[in-house]
Amino acid sequence: MKGRILKRAGDVPGQTLWTRIRDVALTDVSAIARAGTIQGSLEKLEEILLEADFGVAATMKLVAEVETRAKRGLIRTEQEFQSALSSAIEDSLRSGNSNPRILRADAPPTVVLVVGINGAGKTTFIGKFSDLLAANDMKALIGAADTFRAGAIDQLRVWAERTGADFVGGKPGTDPASVAFDAVDAGIARGVDVVVVDTAGRLHTSDSLMDEMKKINRVIGKRLPGAPHETLLVLDGTIGQNAVAQAKTFAAAIPVTGLVVTKIDGTAKGGIVLAVHEALDIPVKFIGVGEKATDLVAFDPATFAREVLEG
């Protein structure tokens, strides 16, 4: 990841999450392993992590790991405390289903279905993803199956032209599943490497829209058995624990295989990345860190663990 990906934590300009932890939880670093001092520090650490949207489950796990290391005498300095917390975050992100690589079909095309609620950043992600594919010499086709918004179709057409991707889109009001079918069909006929299918943003509480998403998923599979090979759920990183609730609902409806967390550059609460992974056991594949086409970062647990603390 290039540069700082997160806003500074707290209300003080220039304050990182680690600065806050150090100032609040480590009032006496030299006494960190002494009885009583470690417990008080851990309680403050717990509070700060919860405020940074790590969520209850992930926070308890991180605090327990730091406590274990402290009691073993492995944390005697501020640097060792920071290293222990960073390692615990990285280990959690690498646990369970955590491979950040995009799943590929045995033979082209690989079909990537993109889902999420309104405003999460799906359209922008697809454009950036297409740019990334082009940079890696892969031919892409964008299927604009969000037929509820003419603007979404036009945006994706512009992204396709900009990145050299093929484009398939229906008129506003066209059956989304039929557009998805046509996109996969065209991808097969044209010999592209990757077909990326957009879907309409939908509230995770709308049963009818979720049923439509299931239909799109089924229709893609009928045209190309085994597809979609990757289903990416795009989440807005600024909405906190609501992202976990959204993710659970989508994952219950269709087989979500990867997470994309957008707008990470707009929040000081990057812990939501770990919270969602911990809640769903689904790998984070990309994070969005800005507006430019190149501001899509393939997820790396080690880098994120360091930068979520240091800013």
C-alpha atoms as a PDB file:
ATOM      1  CA  MET A   1       0.000   0.000   0.000  1.00  0.00           C
ATOM      2  CA  LYS A   2       1.416   3.346  -0.976  1.00  0.00           C
ATOM      3  CA  GLY A   3       1.239   6.085   1.610  1.00  0.00           C
ATOM      4  CA  ARG A   4      -1.150   6.386   4.485  1.00  0.00           C
ATOM      5  CA  ILE A   5      -4.467   4.590   3.910  1.00  0.00           C
ATOM      6  CA  LEU A   6      -6.373   5.707   6.988  1.00  0.00           C
ATOM      7  CA  LYS A   7      -7.300   9.009   8.519  1.00  0.00           C
ATOM      8  CA  ARG A   8      -5.770   9.799  11.859  1.00  0.00           C
ATOM      9  CA  ALA A   9      -7.604   8.401  14.849  1.00  0.00           C
ATOM     10  CA  GLY A  10      -9.431  10.452  17.429  1.00  0.00           C
ATOM     11  CA  ASP A  11     -10.037  14.180  17.532  1.00  0.00           C
ATOM     12  CA  VAL A  12      -6.454  15.362  17.760  1.00  0.00           C
ATOM     13  CA  PRO A  13      -4.924  16.371  14.394  1.00  0.00           C
ATOM     14  CA  GLY A  14      -2.074  14.048  13.430  1.00  0.00           C
ATOM     15  CA  GLN A  15      -3.003  11.427  16.011  1.00  0.00           C
ATOM     16  CA  THR A  16      -2.747   7.825  14.859  1.00  0.00           C
ATOM     17  CA  LEU A  17      -4.546   4.877  16.391  1.00  0.00           C
ATOM     18  CA  TRP A  18      -1.264   3.779  17.943  1.00  0.00           C
ATOM     19  CA  THR A  19      -0.674   7.248  19.394  1.00  0.00           C
ATOM     20  CA  ARG A  20      -4.022   7.062  21.110  1.00  0.00           C
ATOM     21  CA  ILE A  21      -3.345   3.560  22.434  1.00  0.00           C
ATOM     22  CA  ARG A  22       0.045   4.676  23.699  1.00  0.00           C
ATOM     23  CA  ASP A  23      -1.271   7.820  25.356  1.00  0.00           C
ATOM     24  CA  VAL A  24      -4.329   6.231  26.955  1.00  0.00           C
ATOM     25  CA  ALA A  25      -3.418   2.599  27.594  1.00  0.00           C
ATOM     26  CA  LEU A  26       0.325   2.836  28.197  1.00  0.00           C
ATOM     27  CA  THR A  27       0.710   5.445  30.883  1.00  0.00           C
ATOM     28  CA  ASP A  28       3.460   3.326  32.442  1.00  0.00           C
ATOM     29  CA  VAL A  29       5.063   1.093  29.825  1.00  0.00           C
ATOM     30  CA  SER A  30       7.843   0.003  32.159  1.00  0.00           C
ATOM     31  CA  ALA A  31       5.261  -1.525  34.490  1.00  0.00           C
ATOM     32  CA  ILE A  32       3.169  -3.195  31.785  1.00  0.00           C
ATOM     33  CA  ALA A  33       3.817  -6.730  32.991  1.00  0.00           C
ATOM     34  CA  ARG A  34       3.240  -6.021  36.648  1.00  0.00           C
ATOM     35  CA  ALA A  35       0.090  -7.290  38.316  1.00  0.00           C
ATOM     36  CA  GLY A  36      -2.698  -4.739  38.106  1.00  0.00           C
ATOM     37  CA  THR A  37      -1.031  -2.482  35.530  1.00  0.00           C
ATOM     38  CA  ILE A  38      -1.500  -4.879  32.608  1.00  0.00           C
ATOM     39  CA  GLN A  39      -5.187  -5.333  33.399  1.00  0.00           C
ATOM     40  CA  GLY A  40      -5.856  -1.599  33.446  1.00  0.00           C
ATOM     41  CA  SER A  41      -3.962  -1.121  30.195  1.00  0.00           C
ATOM     42  CA  LEU A  42      -5.843  -3.947  28.509  1.00  0.00           C
ATOM     43  CA  GLU A  43      -9.208  -2.545  29.543  1.00  0.00           C
ATOM     44  CA  LYS A  44      -8.286   0.782  27.955  1.00  0.00           C
ATOM     45  CA  LEU A  45      -6.948  -0.989  24.858  1.00  0.00           C
ATOM     46  CA  GLU A  46     -10.237  -2.867  24.565  1.00  0.00           C
ATOM     47  CA  GLU A  47     -12.193   0.394  24.677  1.00  0.00           C
ATOM     48  CA  ILE A  48     -10.049   2.033  22.006  1.00  0.00           C
ATOM     49  CA  LEU A  49     -10.267  -0.943  19.637  1.00  0.00           C
ATOM     50  CA  LEU A  50     -14.047  -1.052  19.968  1.00  0.00           C
ATOM     51  CA  GLU A  51     -14.203   2.653  19.143  1.00  0.00           C
ATOM     52  CA  ALA A  52     -12.084   1.937  16.040  1.00  0.00           C
ATOM     53  CA  ASP A  53     -14.726  -0.576  14.822  1.00  0.00           C
ATOM     54  CA  PHE A  54     -12.775  -3.780  15.401  1.00  0.00           C
ATOM     55  CA  GLY A  55     -15.973  -5.296  16.800  1.00  0.00           C
ATOM     56  CA  VAL A  56     -16.442  -7.275  19.990  1.00  0.00           C
ATOM     57  CA  ALA A  57     -15.216 -10.682  18.779  1.00  0.00           C
ATOM     58  CA  ALA A  58     -12.064  -9.382  17.100  1.00  0.00           C
ATOM     59  CA  THR A  59     -11.298  -7.014  19.975  1.00  0.00           C
ATOM     60  CA  MET A  60     -11.533  -9.766  22.588  1.00  0.00           C
ATOM     61  CA  LYS A  61      -9.255 -11.931  20.490  1.00  0.00           C
ATOM     62  CA  LEU A  62      -6.644  -9.190  20.074  1.00  0.00           C
ATOM     63  CA  VAL A  63      -6.665  -8.189  23.733  1.00  0.00           C
ATOM     64  CA  ALA A  64      -6.328 -11.820  24.832  1.00  0.00           C
ATOM     65  CA  GLU A  65      -3.296 -12.281  22.579  1.00  0.00           C
ATOM     66  CA  VAL A  66      -1.603  -9.145  23.920  1.00  0.00           C
ATOM     67  CA  GLU A  67      -2.346 -10.239  27.494  1.00  0.00           C
ATOM     68  CA  THR A  68      -0.837 -13.675  26.868  1.00  0.00           C
ATOM     69  CA  ARG A  69       2.369 -12.158  25.520  1.00  0.00           C
ATOM     70  CA  ALA A  70       2.576  -9.680  28.395  1.00  0.00           C
ATOM     71  CA  LYS A  71       2.215 -12.412  31.016  1.00  0.00           C
ATOM     72  CA  ARG A  72       4.988 -14.360  29.340  1.00  0.00           C
ATOM     73  CA  GLY A  73       7.269 -11.358  29.780  1.00  0.00           C
ATOM     74  CA  LEU A  74       7.382 -10.635  26.050  1.00  0.00           C
ATOM     75  CA  ILE A  75       6.096  -7.069  26.375  1.00  0.00           C
ATOM     76  CA  ARG A  76       8.394  -4.778  28.322  1.00  0.00           C
ATOM     77  CA  THR A  77       8.545  -1.736  26.068  1.00  0.00           C
ATOM     78  CA  GLU A  78       6.232   0.392  23.968  1.00  0.00           C
ATOM     79  CA  GLN A  79       7.740  -1.030  20.773  1.00  0.00           C
ATOM     80  CA  GLU A  80       7.109  -4.591  21.943  1.00  0.00           C
ATOM     81  CA  PHE A  81       3.520  -3.701  22.821  1.00  0.00           C
ATOM     82  CA  GLN A  82       2.942  -2.226  19.354  1.00  0.00           C
ATOM     83  CA  SER A  83       4.606  -5.198  17.690  1.00  0.00           C
ATOM     84  CA  ALA A  84       2.453  -7.623  19.676  1.00  0.00           C
ATOM     85  CA  LEU A  85      -0.762  -5.848  18.683  1.00  0.00           C
ATOM     86  CA  SER A  86       0.264  -5.554  15.024  1.00  0.00           C
ATOM     87  CA  SER A  87       1.151  -9.256  14.918  1.00  0.00           C
ATOM     88  CA  ALA A  88      -2.159 -10.178  16.537  1.00  0.00           C
ATOM     89  CA  ILE A  89      -4.075  -8.173  13.905  1.00  0.00           C
ATOM     90  CA  GLU A  90      -2.109  -9.787  11.078  1.00  0.00           C
ATOM     91  CA  ASP A  91      -2.603 -13.282  12.512  1.00  0.00           C
ATOM     92  CA  SER A  92      -6.357 -12.727  12.766  1.00  0.00           C
ATOM     93  CA  LEU A  93      -6.538 -11.546   9.158  1.00  0.00           C
ATOM     94  CA  ARG A  94      -4.604 -14.643   8.053  1.00  0.00           C
ATOM     95  CA  SER A  95      -6.765 -17.037  10.055  1.00  0.00           C
ATOM     96  CA  GLY A  96      -9.448 -19.239   8.524  1.00  0.00           C
ATOM     97  CA  ASN A  97     -10.597 -18.460   4.977  1.00  0.00           C
ATOM     98  CA  SER A  98      -8.181 -15.651   4.211  1.00  0.00           C
ATOM     99  CA  ASN A  99      -6.546 -16.106   0.794  1.00  0.00           C
ATOM    100  CA  PRO A 100      -6.734 -12.659  -0.878  1.00  0.00           C
ATOM    101  CA  ARG A 101      -6.126 -13.953  -4.407  1.00  0.00           C
ATOM    102  CA  ILE A 102      -8.951 -13.722  -6.933  1.00  0.00           C
ATOM    103  CA  LEU A 103     -10.446 -17.129  -7.691  1.00  0.00           C
ATOM    104  CA  ARG A 104      -9.928 -18.129 -11.322  1.00  0.00           C
ATOM    105  CA  ALA A 105     -11.791 -20.458 -13.653  1.00  0.00           C
ATOM    106  CA  ASP A 106      -9.918 -23.488 -14.970  1.00  0.00           C
ATOM    107  CA  ALA A 107     -10.370 -22.002 -18.428  1.00  0.00           C
ATOM    108  CA  PRO A 108     -11.371 -18.435 -19.414  1.00  0.00           C
ATOM    109  CA  PRO A 109     -13.483 -16.567 -18.846  1.00  0.00           C
ATOM    110  CA  THR A 110     -13.454 -16.099 -15.096  1.00  0.00           C
ATOM    111  CA  VAL A 111     -16.776 -14.569 -14.055  1.00  0.00           C
ATOM    112  CA  VAL A 112     -16.788 -12.071 -11.193  1.00  0.00           C
ATOM    113  CA  LEU A 113     -20.167 -11.038  -9.762  1.00  0.00           C
ATOM    114  CA  VAL A 114     -20.168  -7.768  -7.796  1.00  0.00           C
ATOM    115  CA  VAL A 115     -22.856  -7.130  -5.173  1.00  0.00           C
ATOM    116  CA  GLY A 116     -23.549  -4.634  -2.396  1.00  0.00           C
ATOM    117  CA  ILE A 117     -25.938  -1.931  -1.226  1.00  0.00           C
ATOM    118  CA  ASN A 118     -26.510   1.484  -2.782  1.00  0.00           C
ATOM    119  CA  GLY A 119     -23.636   3.869  -2.250  1.00  0.00           C
ATOM    120  CA  ALA A 120     -21.055   1.284  -1.237  1.00  0.00           C
ATOM    121  CA  GLY A 121     -18.930   2.027  -4.300  1.00  0.00           C
ATOM    122  CA  LYS A 122     -19.616  -0.940  -6.584  1.00  0.00           C
ATOM    123  CA  THR A 123     -19.484   1.001  -9.849  1.00  0.00           C
ATOM    124  CA  THR A 124     -16.243   2.730  -8.934  1.00  0.00           C
ATOM    125  CA  PHE A 125     -14.741  -0.562  -7.775  1.00  0.00           C
ATOM    126  CA  ILE A 126     -15.602  -2.240 -11.086  1.00  0.00           C
ATOM    127  CA  GLY A 127     -13.940   0.584 -12.993  1.00  0.00           C
ATOM    128  CA  LYS A 128     -10.788   0.369 -10.874  1.00  0.00           C
ATOM    129  CA  PHE A 129     -10.800  -3.418 -11.085  1.00  0.00           C
ATOM    130  CA  SER A 130     -11.024  -3.237 -14.880  1.00  0.00           C
ATOM    131  CA  ASP A 131      -8.084  -0.850 -14.879  1.00  0.00           C
ATOM    132  CA  LEU A 132      -6.124  -3.304 -12.730  1.00  0.00           C
ATOM    133  CA  LEU A 133      -6.951  -6.159 -15.101  1.00  0.00           C
ATOM    134  CA  ALA A 134      -5.793  -4.095 -18.081  1.00  0.00           C
ATOM    135  CA  ALA A 135      -2.545  -3.269 -16.272  1.00  0.00           C
ATOM    136  CA  ASN A 136      -1.970  -7.013 -15.961  1.00  0.00           C
ATOM    137  CA  ASP A 137      -2.626  -7.600 -19.670  1.00  0.00           C
ATOM    138  CA  MET A 138      -5.972  -9.279 -19.090  1.00  0.00           C
ATOM    139  CA  LYS A 139      -8.912  -8.649 -21.402  1.00  0.00           C
ATOM    140  CA  ALA A 140     -12.082  -7.819 -19.501  1.00  0.00           C
ATOM    141  CA  LEU A 141     -15.751  -7.453 -20.309  1.00  0.00           C
ATOM    142  CA  ILE A 142     -18.055  -5.401 -18.106  1.00  0.00           C
ATOM    143  CA  GLY A 143     -21.679  -6.453 -17.842  1.00  0.00           C
ATOM    144  CA  ALA A 144     -23.937  -3.627 -16.633  1.00  0.00           C
ATOM    145  CA  ALA A 145     -26.745  -5.579 -14.979  1.00  0.00           C
ATOM    146  CA  ASP A 146     -27.791  -2.640 -12.813  1.00  0.00           C
ATOM    147  CA  THR A 147     -30.659  -1.719 -15.119  1.00  0.00           C
ATOM    148  CA  PHE A 148     -32.497   0.334 -12.505  1.00  0.00           C
ATOM    149  CA  ARG A 149     -30.138   3.287 -12.923  1.00  0.00           C
ATOM    150  CA  ALA A 150     -29.336   4.624 -16.364  1.00  0.00           C
ATOM    151  CA  GLY A 151     -26.467   6.493 -14.720  1.00  0.00           C
ATOM    152  CA  ALA A 152     -24.832   3.251 -13.617  1.00  0.00           C
ATOM    153  CA  ILE A 153     -24.941   1.895 -17.176  1.00  0.00           C
ATOM    154  CA  ASP A 154     -23.403   5.094 -18.542  1.00  0.00           C
ATOM    155  CA  GLN A 155     -20.702   5.155 -15.849  1.00  0.00           C
ATOM    156  CA  LEU A 156     -19.639   1.614 -16.609  1.00  0.00           C
ATOM    157  CA  ARG A 157     -19.630   2.287 -20.352  1.00  0.00           C
ATOM    158  CA  VAL A 158     -17.212   5.166 -19.734  1.00  0.00           C
ATOM    159  CA  TRP A 159     -15.021   2.970 -17.512  1.00  0.00           C
ATOM    160  CA  ALA A 160     -14.996   0.278 -20.221  1.00  0.00           C
ATOM    161  CA  GLU A 161     -13.872   2.773 -22.838  1.00  0.00           C
ATOM    162  CA  ARG A 162     -11.228   4.188 -20.507  1.00  0.00           C
ATOM    163  CA  THR A 163      -9.754   0.792 -19.599  1.00  0.00           C
ATOM    164  CA  GLY A 164     -10.176  -0.921 -22.969  1.00  0.00           C
ATOM    165  CA  ALA A 165     -12.728  -3.418 -21.671  1.00  0.00           C
ATOM    166  CA  ASP A 166     -15.603  -4.771 -23.743  1.00  0.00           C
ATOM    167  CA  PHE A 167     -19.066  -3.731 -22.622  1.00  0.00           C
ATOM    168  CA  VAL A 168     -22.524  -5.324 -22.513  1.00  0.00           C
ATOM    169  CA  GLY A 169     -25.482  -3.413 -21.148  1.00  0.00           C
ATOM    170  CA  GLY A 170     -29.215  -3.392 -21.562  1.00  0.00           C
ATOM    171  CA  LYS A 171     -31.653  -0.516 -21.667  1.00  0.00           C
ATOM    172  CA  PRO A 172     -32.939   0.816 -18.337  1.00  0.00           C
ATOM    173  CA  GLY A 173     -35.654  -1.487 -17.074  1.00  0.00           C
ATOM    174  CA  THR A 174     -34.306  -4.578 -18.855  1.00  0.00           C
ATOM    175  CA  ASP A 175     -34.324  -7.805 -16.846  1.00  0.00           C
ATOM    176  CA  PRO A 176     -30.991  -7.750 -14.968  1.00  0.00           C
ATOM    177  CA  ALA A 177     -30.575 -11.518 -15.142  1.00  0.00           C
ATOM    178  CA  SER A 178     -30.843 -11.443 -18.942  1.00  0.00           C
ATOM    179  CA  VAL A 179     -28.111  -8.797 -19.122  1.00  0.00           C
ATOM    180  CA  ALA A 180     -25.897 -10.929 -16.888  1.00  0.00           C
ATOM    181  CA  PHE A 181     -26.558 -13.941 -19.145  1.00  0.00           C
ATOM    182  CA  ASP A 182     -25.715 -11.923 -22.270  1.00  0.00           C
ATOM    183  CA  ALA A 183     -22.515 -10.602 -20.671  1.00  0.00           C
ATOM    184  CA  VAL A 184     -21.242 -14.094 -19.891  1.00  0.00           C
ATOM    185  CA  ASP A 185     -22.326 -15.312 -23.323  1.00  0.00           C
ATOM    186  CA  ALA A 186     -20.430 -12.460 -24.998  1.00  0.00           C
ATOM    187  CA  GLY A 187     -17.395 -13.069 -22.819  1.00  0.00           C
ATOM    188  CA  ILE A 188     -17.254 -16.682 -23.953  1.00  0.00           C
ATOM    189  CA  ALA A 189     -17.743 -15.763 -27.623  1.00  0.00           C
ATOM    190  CA  ARG A 190     -15.116 -13.022 -27.568  1.00  0.00           C
ATOM    191  CA  GLY A 191     -12.533 -15.003 -25.646  1.00  0.00           C
ATOM    192  CA  VAL A 192     -12.040 -12.497 -22.834  1.00  0.00           C
ATOM    193  CA  ASP A 193     -10.154 -13.369 -19.664  1.00  0.00           C
ATOM    194  CA  VAL A 194     -12.584 -11.925 -17.122  1.00  0.00           C
ATOM    195  CA  VAL A 195     -16.277 -11.016 -17.182  1.00  0.00           C
ATOM    196  CA  VAL A 196     -17.237  -8.562 -14.423  1.00  0.00           C
ATOM    197  CA  VAL A 197     -20.982  -8.343 -13.783  1.00  0.00           C
ATOM    198  CA  ASP A 198     -22.413  -5.367 -11.925  1.00  0.00           C
ATOM    199  CA  THR A 199     -25.697  -5.629 -10.001  1.00  0.00           C
ATOM    200  CA  ALA A 200     -28.120  -3.036  -8.709  1.00  0.00           C
ATOM    201  CA  GLY A 201     -27.396  -1.685  -5.277  1.00  0.00           C
ATOM    202  CA  ARG A 202     -29.905  -3.149  -2.902  1.00  0.00           C
ATOM    203  CA  LEU A 203     -30.841  -2.729   0.703  1.00  0.00           C
ATOM    204  CA  HIS A 204     -29.948  -5.923   2.504  1.00  0.00           C
ATOM    205  CA  THR A 205     -33.410  -5.750   4.137  1.00  0.00           C
ATOM    206  CA  SER A 206     -35.288  -5.959   0.795  1.00  0.00           C
ATOM    207  CA  ASP A 207     -36.397  -9.547   0.149  1.00  0.00           C
ATOM    208  CA  SER A 208     -37.450  -8.886  -3.457  1.00  0.00           C
ATOM    209  CA  LEU A 209     -34.121  -7.374  -4.415  1.00  0.00           C
ATOM    210  CA  MET A 210     -32.214 -10.152  -2.686  1.00  0.00           C
ATOM    211  CA  ASP A 211     -34.317 -12.703  -4.620  1.00  0.00           C
ATOM    212  CA  GLU A 212     -33.386 -10.949  -7.849  1.00  0.00           C
ATOM    213  CA  MET A 213     -29.708 -11.186  -6.904  1.00  0.00           C
ATOM    214  CA  LYS A 214     -30.142 -14.934  -6.361  1.00  0.00           C
ATOM    215  CA  LYS A 215     -31.724 -15.179  -9.813  1.00  0.00           C
ATOM    216  CA  ILE A 216     -28.761 -13.415 -11.425  1.00  0.00           C
ATOM    217  CA  ASN A 217     -26.441 -15.839  -9.662  1.00  0.00           C
ATOM    218  CA  ARG A 218     -28.435 -18.841 -10.955  1.00  0.00           C
ATOM    219  CA  VAL A 219     -28.669 -17.563 -14.523  1.00  0.00           C
ATOM    220  CA  ILE A 220     -24.916 -16.983 -14.728  1.00  0.00           C
ATOM    221  CA  GLY A 221     -24.380 -20.561 -13.582  1.00  0.00           C
ATOM    222  CA  LYS A 222     -26.747 -21.875 -16.261  1.00  0.00           C
ATOM    223  CA  ARG A 223     -24.798 -20.169 -19.028  1.00  0.00           C
ATOM    224  CA  LEU A 224     -21.421 -21.208 -17.654  1.00  0.00           C
ATOM    225  CA  PRO A 225     -21.380 -24.081 -15.147  1.00  0.00           C
ATOM    226  CA  GLY A 226     -19.277 -23.220 -12.121  1.00  0.00           C
ATOM    227  CA  ALA A 227     -19.769 -19.479 -12.572  1.00  0.00           C
ATOM    228  CA  PRO A 228     -19.671 -17.022 -10.968  1.00  0.00           C
ATOM    229  CA  HIS A 229     -16.212 -18.075  -9.906  1.00  0.00           C
ATOM    230  CA  GLU A 230     -15.861 -15.107  -7.601  1.00  0.00           C
ATOM    231  CA  THR A 231     -18.640 -13.142  -5.869  1.00  0.00           C
ATOM    232  CA  LEU A 232     -17.318  -9.952  -4.356  1.00  0.00           C
ATOM    233  CA  LEU A 233     -19.309  -8.061  -1.750  1.00  0.00           C
ATOM    234  CA  VAL A 234     -18.491  -4.350  -1.715  1.00  0.00           C
ATOM    235  CA  LEU A 235     -18.803  -2.692   1.705  1.00  0.00           C
ATOM    236  CA  ASP A 236     -18.517   0.954   2.678  1.00  0.00           C
ATOM    237  CA  GLY A 237     -15.720   1.200   5.243  1.00  0.00           C
ATOM    238  CA  THR A 238     -17.173   4.347   6.809  1.00  0.00           C
ATOM    239  CA  ILE A 239     -20.418   2.790   8.114  1.00  0.00           C
ATOM    240  CA  GLY A 240     -18.922   0.846  10.994  1.00  0.00           C
ATOM    241  CA  GLN A 241     -20.614  -2.227  12.417  1.00  0.00           C
ATOM    242  CA  ASN A 242     -23.535  -1.893   9.983  1.00  0.00           C
ATOM    243  CA  ALA A 243     -21.142  -3.367   7.435  1.00  0.00           C
ATOM    244  CA  VAL A 244     -21.066  -6.601   9.438  1.00  0.00           C
ATOM    245  CA  ALA A 245     -24.871  -6.847   9.415  1.00  0.00           C
ATOM    246  CA  GLN A 246     -24.964  -6.205   5.663  1.00  0.00           C
ATOM    247  CA  ALA A 247     -22.277  -8.787   5.004  1.00  0.00           C
ATOM    248  CA  LYS A 248     -24.086 -11.461   6.999  1.00  0.00           C
ATOM    249  CA  THR A 249     -27.314 -10.925   5.055  1.00  0.00           C
ATOM    250  CA  PHE A 250     -25.639 -11.071   1.651  1.00  0.00           C
ATOM    251  CA  ALA A 251     -23.592 -14.115   2.596  1.00  0.00           C
ATOM    252  CA  ALA A 252     -26.765 -15.905   3.712  1.00  0.00           C
ATOM    253  CA  ALA A 253     -28.359 -15.263   0.306  1.00  0.00           C
ATOM    254  CA  ILE A 254     -25.552 -16.216  -2.104  1.00  0.00           C
ATOM    255  CA  PRO A 255     -22.058 -17.698  -1.763  1.00  0.00           C
ATOM    256  CA  VAL A 256     -19.925 -14.594  -1.180  1.00  0.00           C
ATOM    257  CA  THR A 257     -16.284 -15.488  -1.817  1.00  0.00           C
ATOM    258  CA  GLY A 258     -14.510 -12.211  -1.156  1.00  0.00           C
ATOM    259  CA  LEU A 259     -14.857  -8.766   0.392  1.00  0.00           C
ATOM    260  CA  VAL A 260     -13.999  -5.349  -0.984  1.00  0.00           C
ATOM    261  CA  VAL A 261     -13.901  -2.563   1.608  1.00  0.00           C
ATOM    262  CA  THR A 262     -14.118   0.896   0.057  1.00  0.00           C
ATOM    263  CA  LYS A 263     -13.531   4.434   1.342  1.00  0.00           C
ATOM    264  CA  ILE A 264     -10.882   3.269   3.809  1.00  0.00           C
ATOM    265  CA  ASP A 265      -9.094   6.551   3.192  1.00  0.00           C
ATOM    266  CA  GLY A 266     -12.132   8.320   4.617  1.00  0.00           C
ATOM    267  CA  THR A 267     -12.187   6.738   8.058  1.00  0.00           C
ATOM    268  CA  ALA A 268     -10.060   6.521  11.162  1.00  0.00           C
ATOM    269  CA  LYS A 269     -11.878   3.298  12.030  1.00  0.00           C
ATOM    270  CA  GLY A 270     -10.174   0.756   9.806  1.00  0.00           C
ATOM    271  CA  GLY A 271     -10.866  -1.997  12.315  1.00  0.00           C
ATOM    272  CA  ILE A 272     -14.050  -2.798  10.389  1.00  0.00           C
ATOM    273  CA  VAL A 273     -11.886  -4.740   7.916  1.00  0.00           C
ATOM    274  CA  LEU A 274     -10.916  -7.211  10.628  1.00  0.00           C
ATOM    275  CA  ALA A 275     -14.405  -7.200  12.163  1.00  0.00           C
ATOM    276  CA  VAL A 276     -16.058  -8.331   8.913  1.00  0.00           C
ATOM    277  CA  HIS A 277     -13.446 -10.998   8.215  1.00  0.00           C
ATOM    278  CA  GLU A 278     -13.794 -12.300  11.758  1.00  0.00           C
ATOM    279  CA  ALA A 279     -17.609 -12.382  11.584  1.00  0.00           C
ATOM    280  CA  LEU A 280     -17.916 -14.138   8.213  1.00  0.00           C
ATOM    281  CA  ASP A 281     -14.646 -16.029   7.702  1.00  0.00           C
ATOM    282  CA  ILE A 282     -14.446 -14.551   4.193  1.00  0.00           C
ATOM    283  CA  PRO A 283     -11.188 -13.122   2.818  1.00  0.00           C
ATOM    284  CA  VAL A 284     -10.719  -9.417   2.194  1.00  0.00           C
ATOM    285  CA  LYS A 285      -9.503  -9.138  -1.409  1.00  0.00           C
ATOM    286  CA  PHE A 286      -9.273  -5.407  -2.066  1.00  0.00           C
ATOM    287  CA  ILE A 287      -9.526  -2.096  -0.255  1.00  0.00           C
ATOM    288  CA  GLY A 288     -10.319   1.236  -1.870  1.00  0.00           C
ATOM    289  CA  VAL A 289      -8.069   4.067  -0.698  1.00  0.00           C
ATOM    290  CA  GLY A 290      -8.950   6.987  -2.969  1.00  0.00           C
ATOM    291  CA  GLU A 291     -10.705   8.259  -6.072  1.00  0.00           C
ATOM    292  CA  LYS A 292      -8.101   7.572  -8.746  1.00  0.00           C
ATOM    293  CA  ALA A 293      -8.252   4.467 -10.936  1.00  0.00           C
ATOM    294  CA  THR A 294      -5.046   3.228  -9.300  1.00  0.00           C
ATOM    295  CA  ASP A 295      -6.428   3.643  -5.763  1.00  0.00           C
ATOM    296  CA  LEU A 296      -7.507   0.019  -5.511  1.00  0.00           C
ATOM    297  CA  VAL A 297      -5.135  -2.025  -3.378  1.00  0.00           C
ATOM    298  CA  ALA A 298      -4.824  -5.790  -3.352  1.00  0.00           C
ATOM    299  CA  PHE A 299      -5.199  -6.665   0.310  1.00  0.00           C
ATOM    300  CA  ASP A 300      -2.101  -7.577   2.288  1.00  0.00           C
ATOM    301  CA  PRO A 301      -2.613  -8.466   5.992  1.00  0.00           C
ATOM    302  CA  ALA A 302       0.896  -7.494   7.104  1.00  0.00           C
ATOM    303  CA  THR A 303       0.785  -4.068   5.495  1.00  0.00           C
ATOM    304  CA  PHE A 304      -2.726  -3.383   6.719  1.00  0.00           C
ATOM    305  CA  ALA A 305      -1.907  -4.455  10.284  1.00  0.00           C
ATOM    306  CA  ARG A 306       0.977  -2.008  10.354  1.00  0.00           C
ATOM    307  CA  GLU A 307      -0.848   0.894   8.706  1.00  0.00           C
ATOM    308  CA  VAL A 308      -4.077   0.542  10.676  1.00  0.00           C
ATOM    309  CA  LEU A 309      -1.993   1.352  13.764  1.00  0.00           C
ATOM    310  CA  GLU A 310       0.514   3.807  12.385  1.00  0.00           C
ATOM    311  CA  GLY A 311      -1.685   5.612   9.854  1.00  0.00           C
END
